[in-house]
N, C-alpha and C. Protein backbone atom coordinates (compact mmCIF):
# COMPACT_ATOMS: atom_id res chain seq x y z
N MET A 1 -16.09 -32.36 -37.70
CA MET A 1 -16.57 -32.79 -35.73
C MET A 1 -15.69 -33.68 -35.54
N LYS A 2 -15.24 -33.07 -34.50
CA LYS A 2 -14.71 -34.31 -33.62
C LYS A 2 -15.37 -34.99 -32.02
N VAL A 3 -14.84 -36.29 -32.12
CA VAL A 3 -15.93 -36.68 -30.90
C VAL A 3 -14.97 -37.48 -30.40
N GLU A 4 -14.93 -37.45 -28.90
CA GLU A 4 -14.25 -38.47 -27.99
C GLU A 4 -14.83 -38.93 -27.24
N ILE A 5 -14.62 -40.17 -26.69
CA ILE A 5 -15.30 -41.60 -26.07
C ILE A 5 -14.55 -42.18 -24.98
N THR A 6 -15.24 -41.46 -23.24
CA THR A 6 -14.49 -42.44 -22.09
C THR A 6 -15.47 -43.35 -22.20
N ALA A 7 -15.04 -43.99 -21.08
CA ALA A 7 -16.05 -45.20 -20.58
C ALA A 7 -15.56 -45.86 -19.24
N LYS A 8 -16.47 -45.34 -18.40
CA LYS A 8 -16.27 -46.04 -17.42
C LYS A 8 -16.94 -47.43 -16.69
N ALA A 9 -16.40 -48.39 -15.58
CA ALA A 9 -17.29 -49.40 -15.41
C ALA A 9 -18.10 -50.47 -16.35
N VAL A 10 -17.60 -50.55 -17.27
CA VAL A 10 -18.03 -51.40 -18.37
C VAL A 10 -17.80 -52.92 -18.00
N ASN A 11 -18.62 -53.76 -18.06
CA ASN A 11 -18.96 -54.57 -17.90
C ASN A 11 -19.07 -55.71 -19.11
N SER A 12 -19.76 -55.55 -19.99
CA SER A 12 -19.55 -56.28 -21.35
C SER A 12 -19.27 -55.85 -22.18
N LYS A 13 -18.13 -55.49 -22.87
CA LYS A 13 -17.65 -54.59 -24.03
C LYS A 13 -18.14 -55.31 -25.25
N VAL A 14 -19.22 -56.07 -25.54
CA VAL A 14 -19.57 -56.29 -26.60
C VAL A 14 -21.03 -54.92 -26.87
N LEU A 15 -21.78 -55.27 -25.67
CA LEU A 15 -22.91 -54.38 -25.29
C LEU A 15 -22.48 -52.87 -25.17
N VAL A 16 -21.00 -52.69 -24.49
CA VAL A 16 -20.57 -51.00 -24.92
C VAL A 16 -20.40 -50.63 -26.45
N GLU A 17 -19.61 -51.56 -26.76
CA GLU A 17 -18.93 -51.47 -28.62
C GLU A 17 -20.77 -50.74 -28.82
N HIS A 18 -21.75 -51.70 -28.77
CA HIS A 18 -22.80 -51.65 -29.85
C HIS A 18 -23.23 -50.34 -29.43
N ILE A 19 -23.76 -50.14 -27.96
CA ILE A 19 -24.16 -48.48 -28.07
C ILE A 19 -23.57 -47.46 -28.21
N SER A 20 -22.04 -47.89 -27.63
CA SER A 20 -21.12 -46.62 -28.22
C SER A 20 -21.14 -46.44 -29.88
N GLY A 21 -20.89 -47.49 -30.19
CA GLY A 21 -20.56 -47.25 -31.97
C GLY A 21 -21.80 -46.57 -32.29
N THR A 22 -22.64 -46.84 -32.02
CA THR A 22 -24.17 -46.66 -32.65
C THR A 22 -24.40 -45.19 -32.60
N ILE A 23 -24.12 -45.05 -31.13
CA ILE A 23 -24.46 -43.44 -31.11
C ILE A 23 -23.16 -42.77 -31.92
N LYS A 24 -21.81 -43.34 -31.65
CA LYS A 24 -21.01 -42.48 -32.41
C LYS A 24 -21.32 -42.10 -34.00
N ASP A 25 -21.95 -43.20 -34.57
CA ASP A 25 -22.20 -43.68 -36.09
C ASP A 25 -23.20 -42.58 -36.05
N GLY A 26 -24.30 -42.39 -34.91
CA GLY A 26 -24.92 -41.52 -35.48
C GLY A 26 -24.81 -39.43 -34.81
N ILE A 27 -23.73 -39.28 -34.34
CA ILE A 27 -23.23 -38.40 -34.33
C ILE A 27 -22.93 -37.57 -34.98
N HIS A 28 -21.80 -38.47 -36.05
CA HIS A 28 -21.46 -38.32 -37.49
C HIS A 28 -21.81 -38.07 -38.57
N ALA A 29 -23.37 -38.99 -38.58
CA ALA A 29 -24.39 -39.41 -39.81
C ALA A 29 -25.23 -38.08 -40.01
N VAL A 30 -25.79 -37.53 -38.50
CA VAL A 30 -26.85 -36.56 -38.70
C VAL A 30 -26.30 -35.21 -38.50
N GLU A 31 -26.69 -34.28 -39.86
CA GLU A 31 -26.20 -32.88 -39.55
C GLU A 31 -26.94 -32.02 -38.86
N MET A 32 -26.45 -31.55 -37.58
CA MET A 32 -27.09 -30.76 -36.53
C MET A 32 -26.15 -30.03 -36.08
N THR A 33 -26.59 -29.03 -35.54
CA THR A 33 -25.99 -28.10 -34.74
C THR A 33 -26.47 -27.97 -33.20
N TRP A 34 -25.72 -28.70 -32.39
CA TRP A 34 -25.57 -28.77 -31.14
C TRP A 34 -25.88 -28.15 -30.03
N GLY A 35 -25.76 -26.69 -30.84
CA GLY A 35 -25.99 -25.30 -29.77
C GLY A 35 -27.81 -25.65 -29.82
N ASN A 36 -28.33 -25.86 -30.53
CA ASN A 36 -29.86 -25.67 -31.19
C ASN A 36 -30.77 -26.74 -30.25
N ASP A 37 -31.18 -26.21 -29.15
CA ASP A 37 -31.72 -27.09 -28.36
C ASP A 37 -33.16 -28.11 -28.95
N GLU A 38 -33.28 -27.52 -30.00
CA GLU A 38 -34.33 -28.63 -30.33
C GLU A 38 -34.23 -29.55 -31.33
N GLU A 39 -32.41 -29.31 -31.69
CA GLU A 39 -32.20 -30.82 -32.59
C GLU A 39 -31.34 -31.61 -31.82
N ARG A 40 -30.97 -31.11 -30.75
CA ARG A 40 -30.18 -31.56 -29.60
C ARG A 40 -31.24 -32.86 -29.06
N SER A 41 -32.18 -31.77 -28.70
CA SER A 41 -33.41 -32.87 -28.33
C SER A 41 -33.78 -34.02 -29.06
N ILE A 42 -34.16 -33.80 -30.59
CA ILE A 42 -34.50 -34.89 -31.50
C ILE A 42 -33.32 -35.70 -31.06
N PHE A 43 -32.33 -35.67 -30.97
CA PHE A 43 -31.60 -36.83 -31.06
C PHE A 43 -31.01 -37.52 -29.83
N LEU A 44 -30.91 -36.37 -28.94
CA LEU A 44 -31.18 -37.63 -27.47
C LEU A 44 -32.44 -38.47 -27.79
N GLU A 45 -33.44 -37.94 -28.35
CA GLU A 45 -34.69 -39.41 -27.86
C GLU A 45 -34.10 -39.90 -28.96
N TYR A 46 -33.19 -40.06 -29.94
CA TYR A 46 -32.91 -41.33 -30.79
C TYR A 46 -32.27 -41.68 -29.59
N ILE A 47 -31.27 -41.84 -28.94
CA ILE A 47 -30.35 -42.35 -27.48
C ILE A 47 -31.27 -42.82 -26.82
N ASN A 48 -32.52 -42.29 -26.16
CA ASN A 48 -33.18 -42.71 -25.55
C ASN A 48 -33.90 -43.96 -26.19
N SER A 49 -34.10 -43.71 -27.42
CA SER A 49 -35.00 -45.05 -27.88
C SER A 49 -33.70 -46.47 -28.19
N LEU A 50 -32.98 -46.13 -28.48
CA LEU A 50 -31.98 -47.13 -28.75
C LEU A 50 -31.73 -47.81 -27.15
N LEU A 51 -31.60 -47.22 -26.09
CA LEU A 51 -31.29 -47.55 -25.26
C LEU A 51 -32.82 -48.60 -24.52
N HIS A 52 -33.96 -47.80 -24.82
CA HIS A 52 -35.04 -48.73 -25.09
C HIS A 52 -35.49 -50.21 -25.06
N GLU A 53 -34.47 -50.36 -26.89
CA GLU A 53 -34.23 -51.24 -27.15
C GLU A 53 -33.58 -52.25 -26.17
N ALA A 54 -32.27 -52.00 -25.80
CA ALA A 54 -31.48 -52.99 -24.77
C ALA A 54 -32.60 -53.18 -23.44
N TRP A 55 -33.11 -51.88 -23.23
CA TRP A 55 -34.33 -52.65 -21.73
C TRP A 55 -34.88 -53.44 -22.46
N ASN A 56 -36.01 -53.34 -23.60
CA ASN A 56 -36.75 -54.23 -24.00
C ASN A 56 -35.96 -56.29 -24.23
N ALA A 57 -34.69 -55.79 -24.71
CA ALA A 57 -34.01 -56.83 -24.64
C ALA A 57 -33.51 -57.80 -23.59
N GLY A 58 -34.12 -56.95 -22.81
CA GLY A 58 -33.26 -57.65 -21.33
C GLY A 58 -31.59 -57.42 -20.94
N LYS A 59 -30.99 -56.51 -21.83
CA LYS A 59 -30.01 -55.98 -21.85
C LYS A 59 -29.64 -54.80 -20.48
N ILE A 60 -30.48 -54.25 -20.32
CA ILE A 60 -30.10 -53.32 -19.06
C ILE A 60 -31.48 -52.84 -18.62
N GLU A 61 -31.57 -52.53 -17.54
CA GLU A 61 -32.16 -51.84 -16.22
C GLU A 61 -32.94 -50.63 -16.19
N GLN A 62 -32.11 -49.67 -16.03
CA GLN A 62 -31.98 -48.22 -16.54
C GLN A 62 -31.27 -47.50 -16.87
N TRP A 63 -31.57 -46.58 -17.74
CA TRP A 63 -30.79 -45.45 -18.09
C TRP A 63 -30.89 -44.15 -17.89
N LYS A 64 -30.01 -43.17 -18.18
CA LYS A 64 -30.05 -41.85 -18.28
C LYS A 64 -29.28 -40.93 -19.19
N VAL A 65 -29.70 -39.75 -19.96
CA VAL A 65 -29.13 -39.67 -21.38
C VAL A 65 -29.12 -38.06 -20.92
N GLN A 66 -27.93 -37.30 -20.90
CA GLN A 66 -27.83 -35.97 -20.54
C GLN A 66 -27.02 -34.96 -21.16
N CYS A 67 -27.58 -34.19 -22.07
CA CYS A 67 -26.96 -33.38 -22.28
C CYS A 67 -27.46 -31.82 -22.59
N ASN A 68 -27.09 -31.49 -21.53
CA ASN A 68 -27.67 -30.48 -21.13
C ASN A 68 -26.88 -28.87 -20.04
N SER A 69 -27.62 -27.93 -20.18
CA SER A 69 -26.74 -26.82 -18.65
C SER A 69 -26.29 -27.70 -17.74
N LEU A 70 -26.77 -28.91 -17.19
CA LEU A 70 -26.10 -29.59 -16.66
C LEU A 70 -24.82 -30.36 -16.55
N ASN A 71 -24.51 -30.23 -17.69
CA ASN A 71 -23.08 -31.30 -17.64
C ASN A 71 -22.33 -30.66 -19.15
N ASN A 72 -23.30 -28.97 -19.73
CA ASN A 72 -22.22 -28.44 -20.30
C ASN A 72 -21.99 -26.67 -19.89
N ASN A 73 -21.13 -26.08 -19.56
CA ASN A 73 -20.91 -25.10 -19.30
C ASN A 73 -21.70 -24.00 -20.26
N ALA A 74 -21.80 -22.77 -19.95
CA ALA A 74 -21.75 -21.79 -21.19
C ALA A 74 -20.43 -21.60 -22.01
N ASP A 75 -19.25 -21.21 -21.86
CA ASP A 75 -18.32 -21.05 -22.02
C ASP A 75 -18.10 -21.91 -22.89
N ASP A 76 -17.63 -23.25 -22.54
CA ASP A 76 -18.10 -24.30 -23.56
C ASP A 76 -18.81 -24.46 -24.76
N ILE A 77 -20.15 -24.35 -24.60
CA ILE A 77 -20.91 -24.08 -25.85
C ILE A 77 -20.92 -23.31 -26.64
N LEU A 78 -20.50 -22.06 -26.34
CA LEU A 78 -19.77 -21.19 -26.75
C LEU A 78 -18.89 -21.29 -27.99
N ASN A 79 -18.12 -22.16 -27.35
CA ASN A 79 -16.63 -22.44 -27.86
C ASN A 79 -16.79 -23.61 -28.60
N GLY A 80 -18.32 -24.25 -28.70
CA GLY A 80 -18.86 -25.67 -29.32
C GLY A 80 -18.30 -26.63 -29.55
N MET A 81 -17.88 -26.60 -28.24
CA MET A 81 -17.97 -28.07 -27.29
C MET A 81 -19.23 -28.28 -26.46
N PHE A 82 -19.61 -29.81 -26.45
CA PHE A 82 -20.46 -30.51 -26.12
C PHE A 82 -20.44 -31.77 -25.44
N VAL A 83 -20.54 -32.09 -24.08
CA VAL A 83 -20.49 -33.01 -23.63
C VAL A 83 -21.75 -34.05 -23.53
N LEU A 84 -21.72 -35.17 -23.76
CA LEU A 84 -23.03 -35.83 -23.88
C LEU A 84 -22.57 -37.28 -22.84
N ASP A 85 -23.35 -37.32 -21.60
CA ASP A 85 -23.58 -38.49 -20.82
C ASP A 85 -24.32 -39.46 -20.99
N VAL A 86 -23.87 -40.77 -21.31
CA VAL A 86 -24.76 -42.24 -21.60
C VAL A 86 -24.82 -42.88 -20.45
N HIS A 87 -25.40 -43.03 -18.97
CA HIS A 87 -25.75 -43.72 -18.48
C HIS A 87 -26.21 -44.79 -18.35
N PHE A 88 -25.92 -46.48 -17.97
CA PHE A 88 -26.58 -47.17 -17.74
C PHE A 88 -26.63 -48.47 -16.68
N LYS A 89 -27.24 -49.13 -16.71
CA LYS A 89 -27.23 -50.29 -15.43
C LYS A 89 -27.67 -51.37 -16.49
N GLN A 90 -26.50 -52.66 -16.61
CA GLN A 90 -26.88 -53.60 -17.03
C GLN A 90 -27.72 -54.62 -16.18
N LYS A 91 -28.23 -55.53 -16.45
CA LYS A 91 -29.13 -56.70 -16.13
C LYS A 91 -28.27 -57.29 -14.88
N HIS A 92 -28.65 -57.90 -13.95
CA HIS A 92 -27.51 -58.53 -13.19
C HIS A 92 -26.35 -57.94 -12.53
N CYS A 93 -26.03 -56.64 -12.75
CA CYS A 93 -24.86 -55.73 -12.54
C CYS A 93 -25.01 -54.83 -11.17
N LEU A 94 -24.31 -54.67 -10.48
CA LEU A 94 -24.19 -53.93 -9.58
C LEU A 94 -23.75 -52.23 -9.98
N ASN A 95 -22.78 -52.01 -11.15
CA ASN A 95 -21.90 -50.71 -10.93
C ASN A 95 -23.06 -50.19 -12.41
N VAL A 96 -22.99 -49.18 -12.61
CA VAL A 96 -23.94 -48.42 -13.72
C VAL A 96 -22.49 -47.80 -14.35
N THR A 97 -22.38 -48.66 -15.51
CA THR A 97 -21.90 -47.92 -17.00
C THR A 97 -21.46 -46.30 -17.61
N LYS A 98 -20.89 -46.03 -17.52
CA LYS A 98 -21.02 -44.65 -17.82
C LYS A 98 -19.83 -44.11 -19.18
N LEU A 99 -20.73 -43.91 -20.02
CA LEU A 99 -19.75 -43.41 -21.69
C LEU A 99 -20.00 -41.79 -21.35
N ARG A 100 -19.02 -41.07 -21.18
CA ARG A 100 -19.22 -39.30 -22.17
C ARG A 100 -18.44 -39.09 -23.44
N TYR A 101 -19.44 -38.63 -24.08
CA TYR A 101 -19.19 -38.01 -25.20
C TYR A 101 -18.89 -36.41 -25.55
N THR A 102 -17.54 -36.30 -25.85
CA THR A 102 -17.07 -34.70 -25.54
C THR A 102 -17.04 -34.94 -27.31
N ILE A 103 -17.96 -33.78 -27.55
CA ILE A 103 -17.96 -33.32 -29.13
C ILE A 103 -17.81 -32.15 -29.57
N ARG A 104 -16.89 -31.44 -30.48
CA ARG A 104 -16.33 -30.31 -30.74
C ARG A 104 -16.89 -30.31 -32.45
N GLU A 105 -17.79 -29.05 -32.58
CA GLU A 105 -18.38 -28.80 -33.62
C GLU A 105 -17.13 -28.12 -34.43
N ASN A 106 -16.03 -27.25 -33.83
CA ASN A 106 -15.37 -26.76 -34.67
C ASN A 106 -13.81 -27.22 -35.38
N GLU A 107 -14.31 -28.67 -34.94
CA GLU A 107 -12.49 -28.96 -35.53
C GLU A 107 -13.06 -30.42 -36.38
């Protein structure tokens, strides 16, 4: 499995490294089929709990995690490629940090 990460509008490199590193480690540690809605949903709950912890610690104000038909087209899914988008707004910042994980199951 190959994972590529792009980040936009980064305010705190430390926070982004923590969040993106934890998610990337989770992607590699969990044996799941990204095309399986139930398995993917469980992993998205894990990411939501990670971001909820950051919210409880006062590091972020809001977040959104998306990996569904809105950001993945049918051809890519059939070819084993999935996009996972994680957006969050840090406390006391105007812009939203956007992390995009491109996951290729067959590589």
